[in-house]
């Protein structure tokens, strides 16, 4: 089960709580003069919250993709999705990917 689909324990902070704490840590590190040891501890805590937030978001993304697949019969990446790749079988040769006006100029 992904983190987003697992029930969250009552003592475990929510995504919003983790993100708020991460933002507070960043503000503290940027704006306050704190001892080096304390800064390192805050940085370590921030990295932990960042990893947790990313894991939660990954779980939500998979959940949305699954819901979309169920609704549409398959997933379709949004236009401009940098993570989307054309399957090898669907890729057009380079000449066919060019606009029609440019293809007419080819010998």
N, C-alpha and C. Protein backbone atom coordinates (compact mmCIF):
# COMPACT_ATOMS: atom_id res chain seq x y z
N UNK A 1 0.83 -1.19 0.00
CA UNK A 1 0.00 0.00 0.00
C UNK A 1 0.87 1.25 0.00
N UNK A 2 0.50 2.24 -0.77
CA UNK A 2 1.26 3.49 -0.79
C UNK A 2 0.91 4.32 0.43
N UNK A 3 1.79 5.27 0.81
CA UNK A 3 1.53 6.09 1.99
C UNK A 3 0.20 6.83 1.91
N UNK A 4 -0.20 7.25 0.72
CA UNK A 4 -1.45 8.01 0.59
C UNK A 4 -2.67 7.12 0.76
N UNK A 5 -2.54 5.83 0.44
CA UNK A 5 -3.70 4.96 0.55
C UNK A 5 -3.77 4.26 1.90
N UNK A 6 -2.73 4.36 2.70
CA UNK A 6 -2.74 3.77 4.03
C UNK A 6 -3.46 4.70 4.99
N UNK A 7 -4.22 4.12 5.91
CA UNK A 7 -4.84 4.97 6.92
C UNK A 7 -3.75 5.61 7.79
N UNK A 8 -3.94 6.88 8.06
CA UNK A 8 -2.94 7.62 8.82
C UNK A 8 -3.24 7.45 10.31
N UNK A 9 -2.20 7.13 11.07
CA UNK A 9 -2.35 7.02 12.52
C UNK A 9 -2.66 8.40 13.08
N UNK A 10 -3.42 8.45 14.14
CA UNK A 10 -3.81 9.73 14.73
C UNK A 10 -2.60 10.56 15.16
N UNK A 11 -1.52 9.91 15.60
CA UNK A 11 -0.36 10.65 16.08
C UNK A 11 0.54 11.11 14.93
N UNK A 12 0.34 10.57 13.74
CA UNK A 12 1.16 10.92 12.59
C UNK A 12 0.65 12.24 11.98
N UNK A 13 1.56 13.20 11.75
CA UNK A 13 1.11 14.49 11.20
C UNK A 13 0.60 14.36 9.77
N UNK A 14 -0.34 15.21 9.40
CA UNK A 14 -0.89 15.22 8.06
C UNK A 14 0.11 15.86 7.10
N UNK A 15 -0.20 15.76 5.82
CA UNK A 15 0.64 16.40 4.81
C UNK A 15 0.73 17.90 5.07
N UNK A 16 -0.41 18.52 5.33
CA UNK A 16 -0.44 19.96 5.57
C UNK A 16 0.38 20.35 6.80
N UNK A 17 0.32 19.53 7.85
CA UNK A 17 1.09 19.81 9.06
C UNK A 17 2.59 19.68 8.78
N UNK A 18 2.96 18.65 8.01
CA UNK A 18 4.38 18.47 7.67
C UNK A 18 4.88 19.63 6.82
N UNK A 19 4.07 20.03 5.84
CA UNK A 19 4.47 21.13 4.97
C UNK A 19 4.60 22.43 5.75
N UNK A 20 3.66 22.68 6.66
CA UNK A 20 3.73 23.89 7.49
C UNK A 20 4.98 23.88 8.35
N UNK A 21 5.31 22.73 8.92
CA UNK A 21 6.52 22.64 9.75
C UNK A 21 7.76 22.85 8.89
N UNK A 22 7.77 22.28 7.69
CA UNK A 22 8.91 22.46 6.78
C UNK A 22 9.08 23.94 6.44
N UNK A 23 7.99 24.64 6.17
CA UNK A 23 8.07 26.07 5.86
C UNK A 23 8.58 26.86 7.07
N UNK A 24 8.16 26.46 8.27
CA UNK A 24 8.64 27.14 9.48
C UNK A 24 10.13 26.91 9.68
N UNK A 25 10.60 25.71 9.39
CA UNK A 25 12.03 25.41 9.52
C UNK A 25 12.82 26.25 8.53
N UNK A 26 12.36 26.33 7.30
CA UNK A 26 13.05 27.13 6.28
C UNK A 26 13.11 28.59 6.73
N UNK A 27 12.00 29.12 7.21
CA UNK A 27 11.98 30.51 7.68
C UNK A 27 12.94 30.71 8.84
N UNK A 28 12.97 29.76 9.74
CA UNK A 28 13.87 29.86 10.90
C UNK A 28 15.33 29.84 10.45
N UNK A 29 15.65 28.96 9.52
CA UNK A 29 17.03 28.87 9.04
C UNK A 29 17.44 30.12 8.24
N UNK A 30 16.49 30.71 7.53
CA UNK A 30 16.80 31.89 6.72
C UNK A 30 16.85 33.18 7.53
N UNK A 31 16.01 33.30 8.53
CA UNK A 31 15.83 34.58 9.18
C UNK A 31 16.43 34.71 10.57
N UNK A 32 16.73 33.63 11.22
CA UNK A 32 17.21 33.72 12.59
C UNK A 32 18.67 33.31 12.69
N UNK A 33 19.33 33.92 13.65
CA UNK A 33 20.70 33.51 13.94
C UNK A 33 20.62 32.45 15.01
N UNK A 34 20.85 31.22 14.60
CA UNK A 34 20.79 30.11 15.54
C UNK A 34 22.14 29.40 15.54
N UNK A 35 22.47 28.73 16.64
CA UNK A 35 23.74 28.00 16.70
C UNK A 35 23.82 26.93 15.61
N UNK A 36 25.03 26.62 15.21
CA UNK A 36 25.25 25.66 14.13
C UNK A 36 24.60 24.31 14.44
N UNK A 37 24.79 23.82 15.64
CA UNK A 37 24.20 22.52 16.00
C UNK A 37 22.68 22.54 15.85
N UNK A 38 22.05 23.60 16.29
CA UNK A 38 20.60 23.73 16.17
C UNK A 38 20.20 23.81 14.70
N UNK A 39 20.97 24.54 13.91
CA UNK A 39 20.69 24.66 12.47
C UNK A 39 20.76 23.30 11.79
N UNK A 40 21.76 22.50 12.15
CA UNK A 40 21.91 21.17 11.56
C UNK A 40 20.72 20.29 11.96
N UNK A 41 20.30 20.38 13.22
CA UNK A 41 19.14 19.61 13.68
C UNK A 41 17.88 20.01 12.91
N UNK A 42 17.69 21.31 12.74
CA UNK A 42 16.51 21.79 12.00
C UNK A 42 16.57 21.34 10.55
N UNK A 43 17.76 21.41 9.95
CA UNK A 43 17.94 20.97 8.57
C UNK A 43 17.59 19.49 8.44
N UNK A 44 18.07 18.68 9.37
CA UNK A 44 17.79 17.26 9.35
C UNK A 44 16.28 17.01 9.49
N UNK A 45 15.64 17.74 10.37
CA UNK A 45 14.19 17.61 10.54
C UNK A 45 13.48 18.01 9.25
N UNK A 46 13.95 19.08 8.62
CA UNK A 46 13.35 19.55 7.37
C UNK A 46 13.47 18.52 6.26
N UNK A 47 14.64 17.88 6.16
CA UNK A 47 14.83 16.85 5.14
C UNK A 47 13.87 15.69 5.38
N UNK A 48 13.67 15.34 6.62
CA UNK A 48 12.73 14.27 6.97
C UNK A 48 11.30 14.64 6.53
N UNK A 49 10.89 15.87 6.83
CA UNK A 49 9.54 16.31 6.42
C UNK A 49 9.43 16.37 4.89
N UNK A 50 10.48 16.81 4.22
CA UNK A 50 10.47 16.87 2.76
C UNK A 50 10.29 15.48 2.16
N UNK A 51 11.04 14.50 2.66
CA UNK A 51 10.91 13.12 2.16
C UNK A 51 9.50 12.60 2.39
N UNK A 52 8.95 12.87 3.56
CA UNK A 52 7.59 12.42 3.87
C UNK A 52 6.58 13.07 2.93
N UNK A 53 6.72 14.37 2.71
CA UNK A 53 5.79 15.08 1.83
C UNK A 53 5.86 14.52 0.41
N UNK A 54 7.07 14.26 -0.07
CA UNK A 54 7.22 13.70 -1.42
C UNK A 54 6.58 12.33 -1.52
N UNK A 55 6.78 11.50 -0.49
CA UNK A 55 6.19 10.16 -0.49
C UNK A 55 4.66 10.25 -0.50
N UNK A 56 4.11 11.15 0.30
CA UNK A 56 2.66 11.33 0.34
C UNK A 56 2.15 11.80 -1.02
N UNK A 57 2.84 12.77 -1.63
CA UNK A 57 2.42 13.26 -2.95
C UNK A 57 2.51 12.17 -4.01
N UNK A 58 3.56 11.35 -3.96
CA UNK A 58 3.67 10.24 -4.91
C UNK A 58 2.48 9.29 -4.76
N UNK A 59 2.12 9.03 -3.51
CA UNK A 59 0.97 8.16 -3.27
C UNK A 59 -0.32 8.76 -3.81
N UNK A 60 -0.50 10.06 -3.61
CA UNK A 60 -1.69 10.73 -4.13
C UNK A 60 -1.70 10.72 -5.66
N UNK A 61 -0.53 10.93 -6.26
CA UNK A 61 -0.46 10.92 -7.73
C UNK A 61 -0.87 9.54 -8.26
N UNK A 62 -0.37 8.49 -7.65
CA UNK A 62 -0.74 7.14 -8.08
C UNK A 62 -2.23 6.90 -7.89
N UNK A 63 -2.76 7.41 -6.81
CA UNK A 63 -4.19 7.26 -6.54
C UNK A 63 -5.03 7.97 -7.60
N UNK A 64 -4.63 9.19 -7.95
CA UNK A 64 -5.35 9.95 -8.99
C UNK A 64 -5.24 9.24 -10.33
N UNK A 65 -4.05 8.73 -10.65
CA UNK A 65 -3.88 8.01 -11.92
C UNK A 65 -4.78 6.78 -11.95
N UNK A 66 -4.87 6.07 -10.83
CA UNK A 66 -5.73 4.88 -10.78
C UNK A 66 -7.20 5.28 -10.94
N UNK A 67 -7.60 6.34 -10.27
CA UNK A 67 -8.98 6.80 -10.41
C UNK A 67 -9.28 7.23 -11.84
N UNK A 68 -8.32 7.90 -12.48
CA UNK A 68 -8.49 8.32 -13.87
C UNK A 68 -8.58 7.11 -14.78
N UNK A 69 -7.74 6.12 -14.52
CA UNK A 69 -7.75 4.91 -15.34
C UNK A 69 -9.09 4.19 -15.20
N UNK A 70 -9.60 4.14 -14.00
CA UNK A 70 -10.90 3.50 -13.78
C UNK A 70 -12.01 4.26 -14.51
N UNK A 71 -11.93 5.59 -14.50
CA UNK A 71 -12.97 6.41 -15.11
C UNK A 71 -12.87 6.43 -16.64
N UNK A 72 -11.66 6.40 -17.17
CA UNK A 72 -11.46 6.55 -18.61
C UNK A 72 -11.08 5.26 -19.31
N UNK A 73 -10.83 4.22 -18.57
CA UNK A 73 -10.41 2.98 -19.19
C UNK A 73 -8.92 2.95 -19.48
N UNK A 74 -8.19 3.92 -19.03
CA UNK A 74 -6.74 4.00 -19.22
C UNK A 74 -6.26 5.37 -18.83
N UNK A 75 -4.99 5.48 -18.49
CA UNK A 75 -4.47 6.79 -18.10
C UNK A 75 -4.01 7.56 -19.32
N UNK A 76 -4.21 8.84 -19.29
CA UNK A 76 -3.76 9.74 -20.33
C UNK A 76 -3.02 10.87 -19.66
N UNK A 77 -1.72 11.01 -19.91
CA UNK A 77 -0.99 12.11 -19.28
C UNK A 77 -1.50 13.45 -19.79
N UNK A 78 -1.41 14.45 -18.94
CA UNK A 78 -1.83 15.79 -19.36
C UNK A 78 -0.84 16.35 -20.36
N UNK A 79 -1.28 17.29 -21.17
CA UNK A 79 -0.41 17.88 -22.20
C UNK A 79 0.78 18.54 -21.54
N UNK A 80 1.96 18.22 -22.01
CA UNK A 80 3.18 18.81 -21.47
C UNK A 80 3.72 18.09 -20.26
N UNK A 81 3.18 16.92 -19.91
CA UNK A 81 3.68 16.16 -18.76
C UNK A 81 5.10 15.72 -19.04
N UNK A 82 6.07 16.21 -18.25
CA UNK A 82 7.47 15.86 -18.51
C UNK A 82 7.78 14.40 -18.21
N UNK A 83 6.94 13.73 -17.43
CA UNK A 83 7.17 12.34 -17.09
C UNK A 83 6.56 11.38 -18.11
N UNK A 84 5.73 11.91 -18.98
CA UNK A 84 5.06 11.06 -19.96
C UNK A 84 5.99 10.77 -21.12
N UNK A 85 5.96 9.52 -21.55
CA UNK A 85 6.75 9.14 -22.71
C UNK A 85 5.83 8.42 -23.69
N UNK A 86 6.10 8.62 -24.96
CA UNK A 86 5.34 7.90 -25.97
C UNK A 86 5.84 6.46 -25.98
N UNK A 87 4.94 5.49 -26.02
CA UNK A 87 5.39 4.11 -26.19
C UNK A 87 6.14 3.98 -27.51
N UNK A 88 7.13 3.14 -27.54
CA UNK A 88 7.98 2.97 -28.73
C UNK A 88 7.15 2.66 -29.96
N UNK A 89 6.12 1.85 -29.83
CA UNK A 89 5.30 1.46 -30.97
C UNK A 89 4.51 2.64 -31.54
N UNK A 90 4.21 3.64 -30.70
CA UNK A 90 3.41 4.78 -31.16
C UNK A 90 4.26 5.94 -31.67
N UNK A 91 5.55 5.89 -31.49
CA UNK A 91 6.41 6.99 -31.94
C UNK A 91 6.42 7.06 -33.45
N UNK A 92 6.31 8.27 -33.95
CA UNK A 92 6.35 8.49 -35.39
C UNK A 92 7.80 8.74 -35.79
N UNK A 93 8.14 8.38 -37.00
CA UNK A 93 9.48 8.72 -37.48
C UNK A 93 9.66 10.24 -37.48
N UNK A 94 10.87 10.68 -37.38
CA UNK A 94 11.20 12.11 -37.27
C UNK A 94 10.53 12.92 -38.38
N UNK A 95 10.54 12.43 -39.60
CA UNK A 95 9.95 13.17 -40.73
C UNK A 95 8.45 13.37 -40.54
N UNK A 96 7.78 12.41 -39.92
CA UNK A 96 6.34 12.53 -39.73
C UNK A 96 5.98 13.45 -38.58
N UNK A 97 6.92 13.73 -37.67
CA UNK A 97 6.65 14.61 -36.54
C UNK A 97 6.74 16.08 -36.92
N UNK A 98 7.34 16.38 -38.06
CA UNK A 98 7.49 17.76 -38.49
C UNK A 98 6.15 18.28 -39.00
N UNK A 99 5.92 19.58 -38.91
CA UNK A 99 4.69 20.14 -39.46
C UNK A 99 4.54 19.81 -40.93
N UNK A 100 3.31 19.76 -41.41
CA UNK A 100 3.03 19.35 -42.78
C UNK A 100 3.78 20.19 -43.80
N UNK A 101 3.88 21.50 -43.58
CA UNK A 101 4.56 22.38 -44.54
C UNK A 101 6.02 21.99 -44.68
N UNK A 102 6.67 21.58 -43.60
CA UNK A 102 8.06 21.18 -43.67
C UNK A 102 8.20 19.82 -44.34
N UNK A 103 7.22 18.91 -44.14
CA UNK A 103 7.31 17.58 -44.75
C UNK A 103 7.23 17.66 -46.27
N UNK A 104 6.48 18.63 -46.78
CA UNK A 104 6.33 18.77 -48.23
C UNK A 104 7.65 19.16 -48.89
N UNK A 105 8.54 19.81 -48.13
CA UNK A 105 9.82 20.24 -48.68
C UNK A 105 10.79 19.08 -48.80
N UNK A 106 10.53 17.98 -48.08
CA UNK A 106 11.45 16.84 -48.14
C UNK A 106 11.39 16.17 -49.49
N UNK A 107 12.54 15.68 -50.00
CA UNK A 107 12.54 15.03 -51.33
C UNK A 107 11.83 13.71 -51.29
